[in-house]
Every structure is written in C-alpha cells, then in structure tokens.
Amino acid sequence: MPRVASKMKLFKGFEEEYKKRHDELWPELHALLKENGISNYSIFLDHDTNYLFAQMDIEDPKALENLPDHPVMKRWWAYMKDIMETNEDNSPVSFPLKEVFFLA
C-alpha cells in the first residue's frame, strides 16, 4: 500500500488546540477519509519549528485528488485555518515529502 507524507506549519501557541481538534475529529471526516482508502494516518509535531509531519497509507493515491472538493473537507479546512498556515481556499499549506528510507 502506498504511503504519502507531507509537512505543514502550525502557528506558535496553538499546539494544544491542534491536538484537541484532532482528538475530537468529526465522525463525518473520519468516515470520508476511510471511504477514500486512507489508513494509518499519523501527524507529528516538531516543537522546535512548529512543523507538522503527516504520514498516511492510501489504497489509491488518486483518491486524494477528490478530497479538496468534498464539503466536509472544506468545512474542516475552514475550521483549522485560524491555527495553521493555509492557502486562499483554506487548505493547509502543505509540502509533499519524498521517502528516502523505509524499514518494514
């Protein structure tokens, strides 16, 4: 199963709020991610830089292309825009990361 990784930037001082919002992840967002073949989704925080590192397994990477148009995804991005760097459409500013090592 392919893995996808990226990094995003959290605003300083919002570390606890970011975790709280994800601890209370909306059931409809959870369902949307699962329906699109996403599993083993983890997000890590580098406290020194406030960069978030996200990694997920995805059945079909093309399924990610449909998520930005989904109303639940748009609502989640609008909900998160006040605590992290975002684009004009409220999506997180995200940089894809290239895998250079994997130990199974």
PDB file of N, CA and C in Angstrom:
ATOM      1  N   MET A   1       0.850  -1.181   0.000  1.00  0.00           N
ATOM      2  CA  MET A   1       0.000   0.000   0.000  1.00  0.00           C
ATOM      3  C   MET A   1       0.892   1.239   0.000  1.00  0.00           C
ATOM      4  N   PRO A   2       0.646   2.176  -0.894  1.00  0.00           N
ATOM      5  CA  PRO A   2       1.467   3.391  -0.931  1.00  0.00           C
ATOM      6  C   PRO A   2       1.318   4.224   0.338  1.00  0.00           C
ATOM      7  N   ARG A   3       2.405   4.884   0.704  1.00  0.00           N
ATOM      8  CA  ARG A   3       2.400   5.829   1.824  1.00  0.00           C
ATOM      9  C   ARG A   3       2.633   7.214   1.262  1.00  0.00           C
ATOM     10  N   VAL A   4       1.979   8.189   1.858  1.00  0.00           N
ATOM     11  CA  VAL A   4       2.110   9.581   1.446  1.00  0.00           C
ATOM     12  C   VAL A   4       2.512  10.378   2.681  1.00  0.00           C
ATOM     13  N   ALA A   5       3.475  11.276   2.518  1.00  0.00           N
ATOM     14  CA  ALA A   5       3.900  12.118   3.634  1.00  0.00           C
ATOM     15  C   ALA A   5       3.988  13.566   3.193  1.00  0.00           C
ATOM     16  N   SER A   6       3.743  14.468   4.138  1.00  0.00           N
ATOM     17  CA  SER A   6       3.831  15.894   3.850  1.00  0.00           C
ATOM     18  C   SER A   6       4.146  16.642   5.133  1.00  0.00           C
ATOM     19  N   LYS A   7       4.491  17.921   4.966  1.00  0.00           N
ATOM     20  CA  LYS A   7       4.680  18.766   6.142  1.00  0.00           C
ATOM     21  C   LYS A   7       3.822  20.010   6.003  1.00  0.00           C
ATOM     22  N   MET A   8       3.385  20.516   7.152  1.00  0.00           N
ATOM     23  CA  MET A   8       2.551  21.702   7.239  1.00  0.00           C
ATOM     24  C   MET A   8       3.084  22.539   8.399  1.00  0.00           C
ATOM     25  N   LYS A   9       2.593  23.749   8.542  1.00  0.00           N
ATOM     26  CA  LYS A   9       3.091  24.640   9.592  1.00  0.00           C
ATOM     27  C   LYS A   9       1.957  25.073  10.515  1.00  0.00           C
ATOM     28  N   LEU A  10       2.151  24.814  11.805  1.00  0.00           N
ATOM     29  CA  LEU A  10       1.208  25.214  12.840  1.00  0.00           C
ATOM     30  C   LEU A  10       1.646  26.560  13.400  1.00  0.00           C
ATOM     31  N   PHE A  11       0.690  27.451  13.685  1.00  0.00           N
ATOM     32  CA  PHE A  11       1.028  28.727  14.310  1.00  0.00           C
ATOM     33  C   PHE A  11       1.471  28.486  15.751  1.00  0.00           C
ATOM     34  N   LYS A  12       2.475  29.231  16.177  1.00  0.00           N
ATOM     35  CA  LYS A  12       3.004  29.133  17.536  1.00  0.00           C
ATOM     36  C   LYS A  12       1.895  29.400  18.547  1.00  0.00           C
ATOM     37  N   GLY A  13       1.867  28.589  19.590  1.00  0.00           N
ATOM     38  CA  GLY A  13       0.895  28.761  20.657  1.00  0.00           C
ATOM     39  C   GLY A  13      -0.388  27.962  20.471  1.00  0.00           C
ATOM     40  N   PHE A  14      -0.530  27.256  19.349  1.00  0.00           N
ATOM     41  CA  PHE A  14      -1.748  26.507  19.069  1.00  0.00           C
ATOM     42  C   PHE A  14      -1.535  24.995  19.110  1.00  0.00           C
ATOM     43  N   GLU A  15      -0.448  24.559  19.726  1.00  0.00           N
ATOM     44  CA  GLU A  15      -0.138  23.139  19.781  1.00  0.00           C
ATOM     45  C   GLU A  15      -1.238  22.338  20.485  1.00  0.00           C
ATOM     46  N   GLU A  16      -1.668  22.814  21.628  1.00  0.00           N
ATOM     47  CA  GLU A  16      -2.717  22.095  22.391  1.00  0.00           C
ATOM     48  C   GLU A  16      -4.051  22.127  21.648  1.00  0.00           C
ATOM     49  N   GLU A  17      -4.386  23.247  21.044  1.00  0.00           N
ATOM     50  CA  GLU A  17      -5.655  23.360  20.306  1.00  0.00           C
ATOM     51  C   GLU A  17      -5.664  22.436  19.097  1.00  0.00           C
ATOM     52  N   TYR A  18      -4.525  22.344  18.413  1.00  0.00           N
ATOM     53  CA  TYR A  18      -4.440  21.450  17.262  1.00  0.00           C
ATOM     54  C   TYR A  18      -4.704  20.007  17.698  1.00  0.00           C
ATOM     55  N   LYS A  19      -4.062  19.599  18.774  1.00  0.00           N
ATOM     56  CA  LYS A  19      -4.256  18.239  19.276  1.00  0.00           C
ATOM     57  C   LYS A  19      -5.701  18.029  19.708  1.00  0.00           C
ATOM     58  N   LYS A  20      -6.276  19.002  20.407  1.00  0.00           N
ATOM     59  CA  LYS A  20      -7.670  18.900  20.864  1.00  0.00           C
ATOM     60  C   LYS A  20      -8.621  18.708  19.683  1.00  0.00           C
ATOM     61  N   ARG A  21      -8.440  19.495  18.645  1.00  0.00           N
ATOM     62  CA  ARG A  21      -9.332  19.392  17.488  1.00  0.00           C
ATOM     63  C   ARG A  21      -9.218  18.028  16.813  1.00  0.00           C
ATOM     64  N   HIS A  22      -8.026  17.477  16.791  1.00  0.00           N
ATOM     65  CA  HIS A  22      -7.861  16.155  16.184  1.00  0.00           C
ATOM     66  C   HIS A  22      -8.327  15.033  17.115  1.00  0.00           C
ATOM     67  N   ASP A  23      -8.218  15.252  18.417  1.00  0.00           N
ATOM     68  CA  ASP A  23      -8.762  14.267  19.369  1.00  0.00           C
ATOM     69  C   ASP A  23     -10.280  14.184  19.243  1.00  0.00           C
ATOM     70  N   GLU A  24     -10.888  15.285  18.797  1.00  0.00           N
ATOM     71  CA  GLU A  24     -12.339  15.367  18.625  1.00  0.00           C
ATOM     72  C   GLU A  24     -12.719  15.353  17.141  1.00  0.00           C
ATOM     73  N   LEU A  25     -11.948  14.618  16.349  1.00  0.00           N
ATOM     74  CA  LEU A  25     -12.171  14.561  14.904  1.00  0.00           C
ATOM     75  C   LEU A  25     -13.644  14.249  14.597  1.00  0.00           C
ATOM     76  N   TRP A  26     -14.213  15.007  13.698  1.00  0.00           N
ATOM     77  CA  TRP A  26     -15.613  14.810  13.336  1.00  0.00           C
ATOM     78  C   TRP A  26     -15.826  13.407  12.764  1.00  0.00           C
ATOM     79  N   PRO A  27     -16.884  12.728  13.168  1.00  0.00           N
ATOM     80  CA  PRO A  27     -17.176  11.397  12.618  1.00  0.00           C
ATOM     81  C   PRO A  27     -17.322  11.410  11.094  1.00  0.00           C
ATOM     82  N   GLU A  28     -17.901  12.469  10.535  1.00  0.00           N
ATOM     83  CA  GLU A  28     -18.080  12.522   9.088  1.00  0.00           C
ATOM     84  C   GLU A  28     -16.741  12.694   8.361  1.00  0.00           C
ATOM     85  N   LEU A  29     -15.766  13.348   8.986  1.00  0.00           N
ATOM     86  CA  LEU A  29     -14.444  13.454   8.375  1.00  0.00           C
ATOM     87  C   LEU A  29     -13.712  12.116   8.473  1.00  0.00           C
ATOM     88  N   HIS A  30     -13.825  11.476   9.613  1.00  0.00           N
ATOM     89  CA  HIS A  30     -13.239  10.133   9.785  1.00  0.00           C
ATOM     90  C   HIS A  30     -13.782   9.191   8.717  1.00  0.00           C
ATOM     91  N   ALA A  31     -15.094   9.206   8.529  1.00  0.00           N
ATOM     92  CA  ALA A  31     -15.727   8.335   7.532  1.00  0.00           C
ATOM     93  C   ALA A  31     -15.247   8.678   6.119  1.00  0.00           C
ATOM     94  N   LEU A  32     -15.139   9.968   5.811  1.00  0.00           N
ATOM     95  CA  LEU A  32     -14.691  10.389   4.484  1.00  0.00           C
ATOM     96  C   LEU A  32     -13.276   9.878   4.197  1.00  0.00           C
ATOM     97  N   LEU A  33     -12.390   9.996   5.155  1.00  0.00           N
ATOM     98  CA  LEU A  33     -11.018   9.530   4.964  1.00  0.00           C
ATOM     99  C   LEU A  33     -10.978   8.021   4.756  1.00  0.00           C
ATOM    100  N   LYS A  34     -11.711   7.297   5.587  1.00  0.00           N
ATOM    101  CA  LYS A  34     -11.754   5.830   5.457  1.00  0.00           C
ATOM    102  C   LYS A  34     -12.368   5.415   4.118  1.00  0.00           C
ATOM    103  N   GLU A  35     -13.451   6.086   3.716  1.00  0.00           N
ATOM    104  CA  GLU A  35     -14.107   5.768   2.440  1.00  0.00           C
ATOM    105  C   GLU A  35     -13.184   5.987   1.248  1.00  0.00           C
ATOM    106  N   ASN A  36     -12.204   6.869   1.416  1.00  0.00           N
ATOM    107  CA  ASN A  36     -11.256   7.155   0.347  1.00  0.00           C
ATOM    108  C   ASN A  36      -9.962   6.359   0.487  1.00  0.00           C
ATOM    109  N   GLY A  37      -9.991   5.324   1.318  1.00  0.00           N
ATOM    110  CA  GLY A  37      -8.873   4.395   1.411  1.00  0.00           C
ATOM    111  C   GLY A  37      -7.696   4.858   2.229  1.00  0.00           C
ATOM    112  N   ILE A  38      -7.911   5.820   3.116  1.00  0.00           N
ATOM    113  CA  ILE A  38      -6.826   6.315   3.967  1.00  0.00           C
ATOM    114  C   ILE A  38      -6.821   5.533   5.278  1.00  0.00           C
ATOM    115  N   SER A  39      -5.633   5.070   5.670  1.00  0.00           N
ATOM    116  CA  SER A  39      -5.472   4.366   6.943  1.00  0.00           C
ATOM    117  C   SER A  39      -4.107   4.706   7.533  1.00  0.00           C
ATOM    118  N   ASN A  40      -3.914   4.310   8.759  1.00  0.00           N
ATOM    119  CA  ASN A  40      -2.635   4.552   9.453  1.00  0.00           C
ATOM    120  C   ASN A  40      -2.172   6.003   9.289  1.00  0.00           C
ATOM    121  N   TYR A  41      -3.095   6.923   9.497  1.00  0.00           N
ATOM    122  CA  TYR A  41      -2.822   8.353   9.324  1.00  0.00           C
ATOM    123  C   TYR A  41      -2.268   8.889  10.636  1.00  0.00           C
ATOM    124  N   SER A  42      -1.057   9.409  10.591  1.00  0.00           N
ATOM    125  CA  SER A  42      -0.407   9.985  11.771  1.00  0.00           C
ATOM    126  C   SER A  42       0.063  11.390  11.451  1.00  0.00           C
ATOM    127  N   ILE A  43       0.021  12.250  12.469  1.00  0.00           N
ATOM    128  CA  ILE A  43       0.574  13.598  12.349  1.00  0.00           C
ATOM    129  C   ILE A  43       1.472  13.810  13.565  1.00  0.00           C
ATOM    130  N   PHE A  44       2.689  14.257  13.306  1.00  0.00           N
ATOM    131  CA  PHE A  44       3.668  14.509  14.354  1.00  0.00           C
ATOM    132  C   PHE A  44       4.019  15.987  14.354  1.00  0.00           C
ATOM    133  N   LEU A  45       4.361  16.519  15.521  1.00  0.00           N
ATOM    134  CA  LEU A  45       4.719  17.924  15.665  1.00  0.00           C
ATOM    135  C   LEU A  45       6.178  18.051  16.078  1.00  0.00           C
ATOM    136  N   ASP A  46       6.921  18.899  15.357  1.00  0.00           N
ATOM    137  CA  ASP A  46       8.274  19.275  15.750  1.00  0.00           C
ATOM    138  C   ASP A  46       8.135  20.554  16.574  1.00  0.00           C
ATOM    139  N   HIS A  47       8.278  20.442  17.883  1.00  0.00           N
ATOM    140  CA  HIS A  47       8.065  21.588  18.778  1.00  0.00           C
ATOM    141  C   HIS A  47       9.060  22.720  18.541  1.00  0.00           C
ATOM    142  N   ASP A  48      10.232  22.425  17.995  1.00  0.00           N
ATOM    143  CA  ASP A  48      11.234  23.464  17.752  1.00  0.00           C
ATOM    144  C   ASP A  48      10.855  24.372  16.586  1.00  0.00           C
ATOM    145  N   THR A  49      10.212  23.817  15.569  1.00  0.00           N
ATOM    146  CA  THR A  49       9.889  24.588  14.360  1.00  0.00           C
ATOM    147  C   THR A  49       8.394  24.807  14.148  1.00  0.00           C
ATOM    148  N   ASN A  50       7.576  24.064  14.883  1.00  0.00           N
ATOM    149  CA  ASN A  50       6.118  24.035  14.722  1.00  0.00           C
ATOM    150  C   ASN A  50       5.687  23.477  13.372  1.00  0.00           C
ATOM    151  N   TYR A  51       6.566  22.696  12.742  1.00  0.00           N
ATOM    152  CA  TYR A  51       6.169  21.972  11.548  1.00  0.00           C
ATOM    153  C   TYR A  51       5.453  20.697  11.950  1.00  0.00           C
ATOM    154  N   LEU A  52       4.411  20.381  11.206  1.00  0.00           N
ATOM    155  CA  LEU A  52       3.668  19.141  11.358  1.00  0.00           C
ATOM    156  C   LEU A  52       4.131  18.191  10.267  1.00  0.00           C
ATOM    157  N   PHE A  53       4.359  16.957  10.620  1.00  0.00           N
ATOM    158  CA  PHE A  53       4.726  15.923   9.662  1.00  0.00           C
ATOM    159  C   PHE A  53       3.577  14.931   9.616  1.00  0.00           C
ATOM    160  N   ALA A  54       2.970  14.771   8.457  1.00  0.00           N
ATOM    161  CA  ALA A  54       1.833  13.863   8.297  1.00  0.00           C
ATOM    162  C   ALA A  54       2.233  12.691   7.415  1.00  0.00           C
ATOM    163  N   GLN A  55       1.769  11.504   7.799  1.00  0.00           N
ATOM    164  CA  GLN A  55       2.028  10.306   7.005  1.00  0.00           C
ATOM    165  C   GLN A  55       0.780   9.457   7.028  1.00  0.00           C
ATOM    166  N   MET A  56       0.414   8.911   5.860  1.00  0.00           N
ATOM    167  CA  MET A  56      -0.766   8.059   5.766  1.00  0.00           C
ATOM    168  C   MET A  56      -0.539   6.982   4.726  1.00  0.00           C
ATOM    169  N   ASP A  57      -1.226   5.877   4.913  1.00  0.00           N
ATOM    170  CA  ASP A  57      -1.296   4.840   3.894  1.00  0.00           C
ATOM    171  C   ASP A  57      -2.547   5.125   3.077  1.00  0.00           C
ATOM    172  N   ILE A  58      -2.442   4.912   1.773  1.00  0.00           N
ATOM    173  CA  ILE A  58      -3.576   5.189   0.895  1.00  0.00           C
ATOM    174  C   ILE A  58      -3.689   4.080  -0.132  1.00  0.00           C
ATOM    175  N   GLU A  59      -4.895   3.530  -0.262  1.00  0.00           N
ATOM    176  CA  GLU A  59      -5.112   2.455  -1.235  1.00  0.00           C
ATOM    177  C   GLU A  59      -4.846   2.937  -2.651  1.00  0.00           C
ATOM    178  N   ASP A  60      -5.363   4.120  -2.987  1.00  0.00           N
ATOM    179  CA  ASP A  60      -5.198   4.683  -4.327  1.00  0.00           C
ATOM    180  C   ASP A  60      -4.861   6.163  -4.186  1.00  0.00           C
ATOM    181  N   PRO A  61      -3.611   6.554  -4.435  1.00  0.00           N
ATOM    182  CA  PRO A  61      -3.229   7.969  -4.280  1.00  0.00           C
ATOM    183  C   PRO A  61      -4.104   8.927  -5.077  1.00  0.00           C
ATOM    184  N   LYS A  62      -4.711   8.479  -6.166  1.00  0.00           N
ATOM    185  CA  LYS A  62      -5.593   9.349  -6.952  1.00  0.00           C
ATOM    186  C   LYS A  62      -6.843   9.747  -6.161  1.00  0.00           C
ATOM    187  N   ALA A  63      -7.209   8.944  -5.160  1.00  0.00           N
ATOM    188  CA  ALA A  63      -8.376   9.265  -4.335  1.00  0.00           C
ATOM    189  C   ALA A  63      -8.180  10.583  -3.592  1.00  0.00           C
ATOM    190  N   LEU A  64      -6.941  10.954  -3.316  1.00  0.00           N
ATOM    191  CA  LEU A  64      -6.662  12.218  -2.628  1.00  0.00           C
ATOM    192  C   LEU A  64      -7.078  13.423  -3.471  1.00  0.00           C
ATOM    193  N   GLU A  65      -7.112  13.254  -4.771  1.00  0.00           N
ATOM    194  CA  GLU A  65      -7.472  14.357  -5.662  1.00  0.00           C
ATOM    195  C   GLU A  65      -8.922  14.796  -5.475  1.00  0.00           C
ATOM    196  N   ASN A  66      -9.794  13.897  -5.013  1.00  0.00           N
ATOM    197  CA  ASN A  66     -11.212  14.218  -4.851  1.00  0.00           C
ATOM    198  C   ASN A  66     -11.525  14.902  -3.520  1.00  0.00           C
ATOM    199  N   LEU A  67     -10.675  14.736  -2.539  1.00  0.00           N
ATOM    200  CA  LEU A  67     -10.970  15.257  -1.202  1.00  0.00           C
ATOM    201  C   LEU A  67     -11.132  16.783  -1.142  1.00  0.00           C
ATOM    202  N   PRO A  68     -10.316  17.581  -1.835  1.00  0.00           N
ATOM    203  CA  PRO A  68     -10.469  19.038  -1.722  1.00  0.00           C
ATOM    204  C   PRO A  68     -11.839  19.569  -2.141  1.00  0.00           C
ATOM    205  N   ASP A  69     -12.563  18.843  -2.952  1.00  0.00           N
ATOM    206  CA  ASP A  69     -13.874  19.299  -3.405  1.00  0.00           C
ATOM    207  C   ASP A  69     -15.016  18.850  -2.499  1.00  0.00           C
ATOM    208  N   HIS A  70     -14.729  17.988  -1.547  1.00  0.00           N
ATOM    209  CA  HIS A  70     -15.789  17.463  -0.683  1.00  0.00           C
ATOM    210  C   HIS A  70     -16.185  18.499   0.380  1.00  0.00           C
ATOM    211  N   PRO A  71     -17.478  18.714   0.598  1.00  0.00           N
ATOM    212  CA  PRO A  71     -17.934  19.714   1.571  1.00  0.00           C
ATOM    213  C   PRO A  71     -17.391  19.498   2.987  1.00  0.00           C
ATOM    214  N   VAL A  72     -17.261  18.262   3.430  1.00  0.00           N
ATOM    215  CA  VAL A  72     -16.737  18.001   4.772  1.00  0.00           C
ATOM    216  C   VAL A  72     -15.279  18.451   4.865  1.00  0.00           C
ATOM    217  N   MET A  73     -14.517  18.179   3.823  1.00  0.00           N
ATOM    218  CA  MET A  73     -13.112  18.584   3.815  1.00  0.00           C
ATOM    219  C   MET A  73     -12.998  20.097   3.833  1.00  0.00           C
ATOM    220  N   LYS A  74     -13.828  20.776   3.046  1.00  0.00           N
ATOM    221  CA  LYS A  74     -13.812  22.237   3.008  1.00  0.00           C
ATOM    222  C   LYS A  74     -14.178  22.825   4.376  1.00  0.00           C
ATOM    223  N   ARG A  75     -15.148  22.213   5.038  1.00  0.00           N
ATOM    224  CA  ARG A  75     -15.550  22.674   6.363  1.00  0.00           C
ATOM    225  C   ARG A  75     -14.417  22.488   7.380  1.00  0.00           C
ATOM    226  N   TRP A  76     -13.715  21.340   7.302  1.00  0.00           N
ATOM    227  CA  TRP A  76     -12.602  21.070   8.215  1.00  0.00           C
ATOM    228  C   TRP A  76     -11.482  22.097   7.992  1.00  0.00           C
ATOM    229  N   TRP A  77     -11.166  22.376   6.738  1.00  0.00           N
ATOM    230  CA  TRP A  77     -10.119  23.347   6.459  1.00  0.00           C
ATOM    231  C   TRP A  77     -10.490  24.733   6.988  1.00  0.00           C
ATOM    232  N   ALA A  78     -11.741  25.122   6.836  1.00  0.00           N
ATOM    233  CA  ALA A  78     -12.189  26.416   7.359  1.00  0.00           C
ATOM    234  C   ALA A  78     -12.067  26.443   8.882  1.00  0.00           C
ATOM    235  N   TYR A  79     -12.352  25.319   9.511  1.00  0.00           N
ATOM    236  CA  TYR A  79     -12.251  25.173  10.962  1.00  0.00           C
ATOM    237  C   TYR A  79     -10.802  25.284  11.433  1.00  0.00           C
ATOM    238  N   MET A  80      -9.850  24.835  10.641  1.00  0.00           N
ATOM    239  CA  MET A  80      -8.444  24.786  11.039  1.00  0.00           C
ATOM    240  C   MET A  80      -7.641  26.020  10.613  1.00  0.00           C
ATOM    241  N   LYS A  81      -8.188  26.870   9.768  1.00  0.00           N
ATOM    242  CA  LYS A  81      -7.404  27.963   9.179  1.00  0.00           C
ATOM    243  C   LYS A  81      -6.886  28.970  10.194  1.00  0.00           C
ATOM    244  N   ASP A  82      -7.506  29.075  11.349  1.00  0.00           N
ATOM    245  CA  ASP A  82      -7.059  30.060  12.326  1.00  0.00           C
ATOM    246  C   ASP A  82      -5.841  29.607  13.134  1.00  0.00           C
ATOM    247  N   ILE A  83      -5.444  28.343  12.989  1.00  0.00           N
ATOM    248  CA  ILE A  83      -4.331  27.863  13.806  1.00  0.00           C
ATOM    249  C   ILE A  83      -3.137  27.348  12.989  1.00  0.00           C
ATOM    250  N   MET A  84      -3.243  27.407  11.654  1.00  0.00           N
ATOM    251  CA  MET A  84      -2.131  26.932  10.826  1.00  0.00           C
ATOM    252  C   MET A  84      -2.051  27.703   9.517  1.00  0.00           C
ATOM    253  N   GLU A  85      -0.901  27.612   8.855  1.00  0.00           N
ATOM    254  CA  GLU A  85      -0.749  28.276   7.569  1.00  0.00           C
ATOM    255  C   GLU A  85      -1.662  27.621   6.539  1.00  0.00           C
ATOM    256  N   THR A  86      -2.414  28.463   5.812  1.00  0.00           N
ATOM    257  CA  THR A  86      -3.353  27.947   4.821  1.00  0.00           C
ATOM    258  C   THR A  86      -3.247  28.723   3.513  1.00  0.00           C
ATOM    259  N   ASN A  87      -3.757  28.102   2.478  1.00  0.00           N
ATOM    260  CA  ASN A  87      -3.874  28.733   1.169  1.00  0.00           C
ATOM    261  C   ASN A  87      -5.164  29.544   1.116  1.00  0.00           C
ATOM    262  N   GLU A  88      -5.388  30.225   0.005  1.00  0.00           N
ATOM    263  CA  GLU A  88      -6.601  31.046  -0.138  1.00  0.00           C
ATOM    264  C   GLU A  88      -7.884  30.235  -0.024  1.00  0.00           C
ATOM    265  N   ASP A  89      -7.845  28.944  -0.405  1.00  0.00           N
ATOM    266  CA  ASP A  89      -9.045  28.102  -0.310  1.00  0.00           C
ATOM    267  C   ASP A  89      -9.167  27.429   1.065  1.00  0.00           C
ATOM    268  N   ASN A  90      -8.361  27.876   2.027  1.00  0.00           N
ATOM    269  CA  ASN A  90      -8.317  27.357   3.402  1.00  0.00           C
ATOM    270  C   ASN A  90      -7.592  26.027   3.537  1.00  0.00           C
ATOM    271  N   SER A  91      -7.185  25.400   2.436  1.00  0.00           N
ATOM    272  CA  SER A  91      -6.421  24.161   2.551  1.00  0.00           C
ATOM    273  C   SER A  91      -5.081  24.468   3.212  1.00  0.00           C
ATOM    274  N   PRO A  92      -4.540  23.520   3.969  1.00  0.00           N
ATOM    275  CA  PRO A  92      -3.247  23.773   4.603  1.00  0.00           C
ATOM    276  C   PRO A  92      -2.146  23.947   3.561  1.00  0.00           C
ATOM    277  N   VAL A  93      -1.249  24.879   3.824  1.00  0.00           N
ATOM    278  CA  VAL A  93      -0.041  24.953   3.015  1.00  0.00           C
ATOM    279  C   VAL A  93       0.709  23.668   3.322  1.00  0.00           C
ATOM    280  N   SER A  94       0.900  22.859   2.316  1.00  0.00           N
ATOM    281  CA  SER A  94       1.432  21.517   2.510  1.00  0.00           C
ATOM    282  C   SER A  94       2.522  21.238   1.481  1.00  0.00           C
ATOM    283  N   PHE A  95       3.589  20.638   1.958  1.00  0.00           N
ATOM    284  CA  PHE A  95       4.709  20.292   1.087  1.00  0.00           C
ATOM    285  C   PHE A  95       4.883  18.782   1.081  1.00  0.00           C
ATOM    286  N   PRO A  96       4.775  18.139  -0.082  1.00  0.00           N
ATOM    287  CA  PRO A  96       4.971  16.700  -0.135  1.00  0.00           C
ATOM    288  C   PRO A  96       6.413  16.348   0.219  1.00  0.00           C
ATOM    289  N   LEU A  97       6.572  15.224   0.893  1.00  0.00           N
ATOM    290  CA  LEU A  97       7.896  14.758   1.280  1.00  0.00           C
ATOM    291  C   LEU A  97       8.204  13.468   0.528  1.00  0.00           C
ATOM    292  N   LYS A  98       9.446  13.335   0.120  1.00  0.00           N
ATOM    293  CA  LYS A  98       9.900  12.161  -0.610  1.00  0.00           C
ATOM    294  C   LYS A  98      10.462  11.135   0.372  1.00  0.00           C
ATOM    295  N   GLU A  99       9.993   9.926   0.254  1.00  0.00           N
ATOM    296  CA  GLU A  99      10.507   8.862   1.115  1.00  0.00           C
ATOM    297  C   GLU A  99      11.923   8.506   0.669  1.00  0.00           C
ATOM    298  N   VAL A 100      12.845   8.466   1.630  1.00  0.00           N
ATOM    299  CA  VAL A 100      14.233   8.106   1.326  1.00  0.00           C
ATOM    300  C   VAL A 100      14.678   6.849   2.062  1.00  0.00           C
ATOM    301  N   PHE A 101      13.831   6.355   2.999  1.00  0.00           N
ATOM    302  CA  PHE A 101      14.163   5.121   3.713  1.00  0.00           C
ATOM    303  C   PHE A 101      12.901   4.541   4.310  1.00  0.00           C
ATOM    304  N   PHE A 102      12.801   3.228   4.294  1.00  0.00           N
ATOM    305  CA  PHE A 102      11.688   2.528   4.930  1.00  0.00           C
ATOM    306  C   PHE A 102      12.198   1.178   5.421  1.00  0.00           C
ATOM    307  N   LEU A 103      11.885   0.852   6.664  1.00  0.00           N
ATOM    308  CA  LEU A 103      12.225  -0.438   7.241  1.00  0.00           C
ATOM    309  C   LEU A 103      10.928  -1.123   7.623  1.00  0.00           C
ATOM    310  N   ALA A 104      10.632  -2.212   6.949  1.00  0.00           N
ATOM    311  CA  ALA A 104       9.384  -2.953   7.229  1.00  0.00           C
ATOM    312  C   ALA A 104       9.633  -3.986   8.314  1.00  0.00           C
TER     313      ALA A 104
END
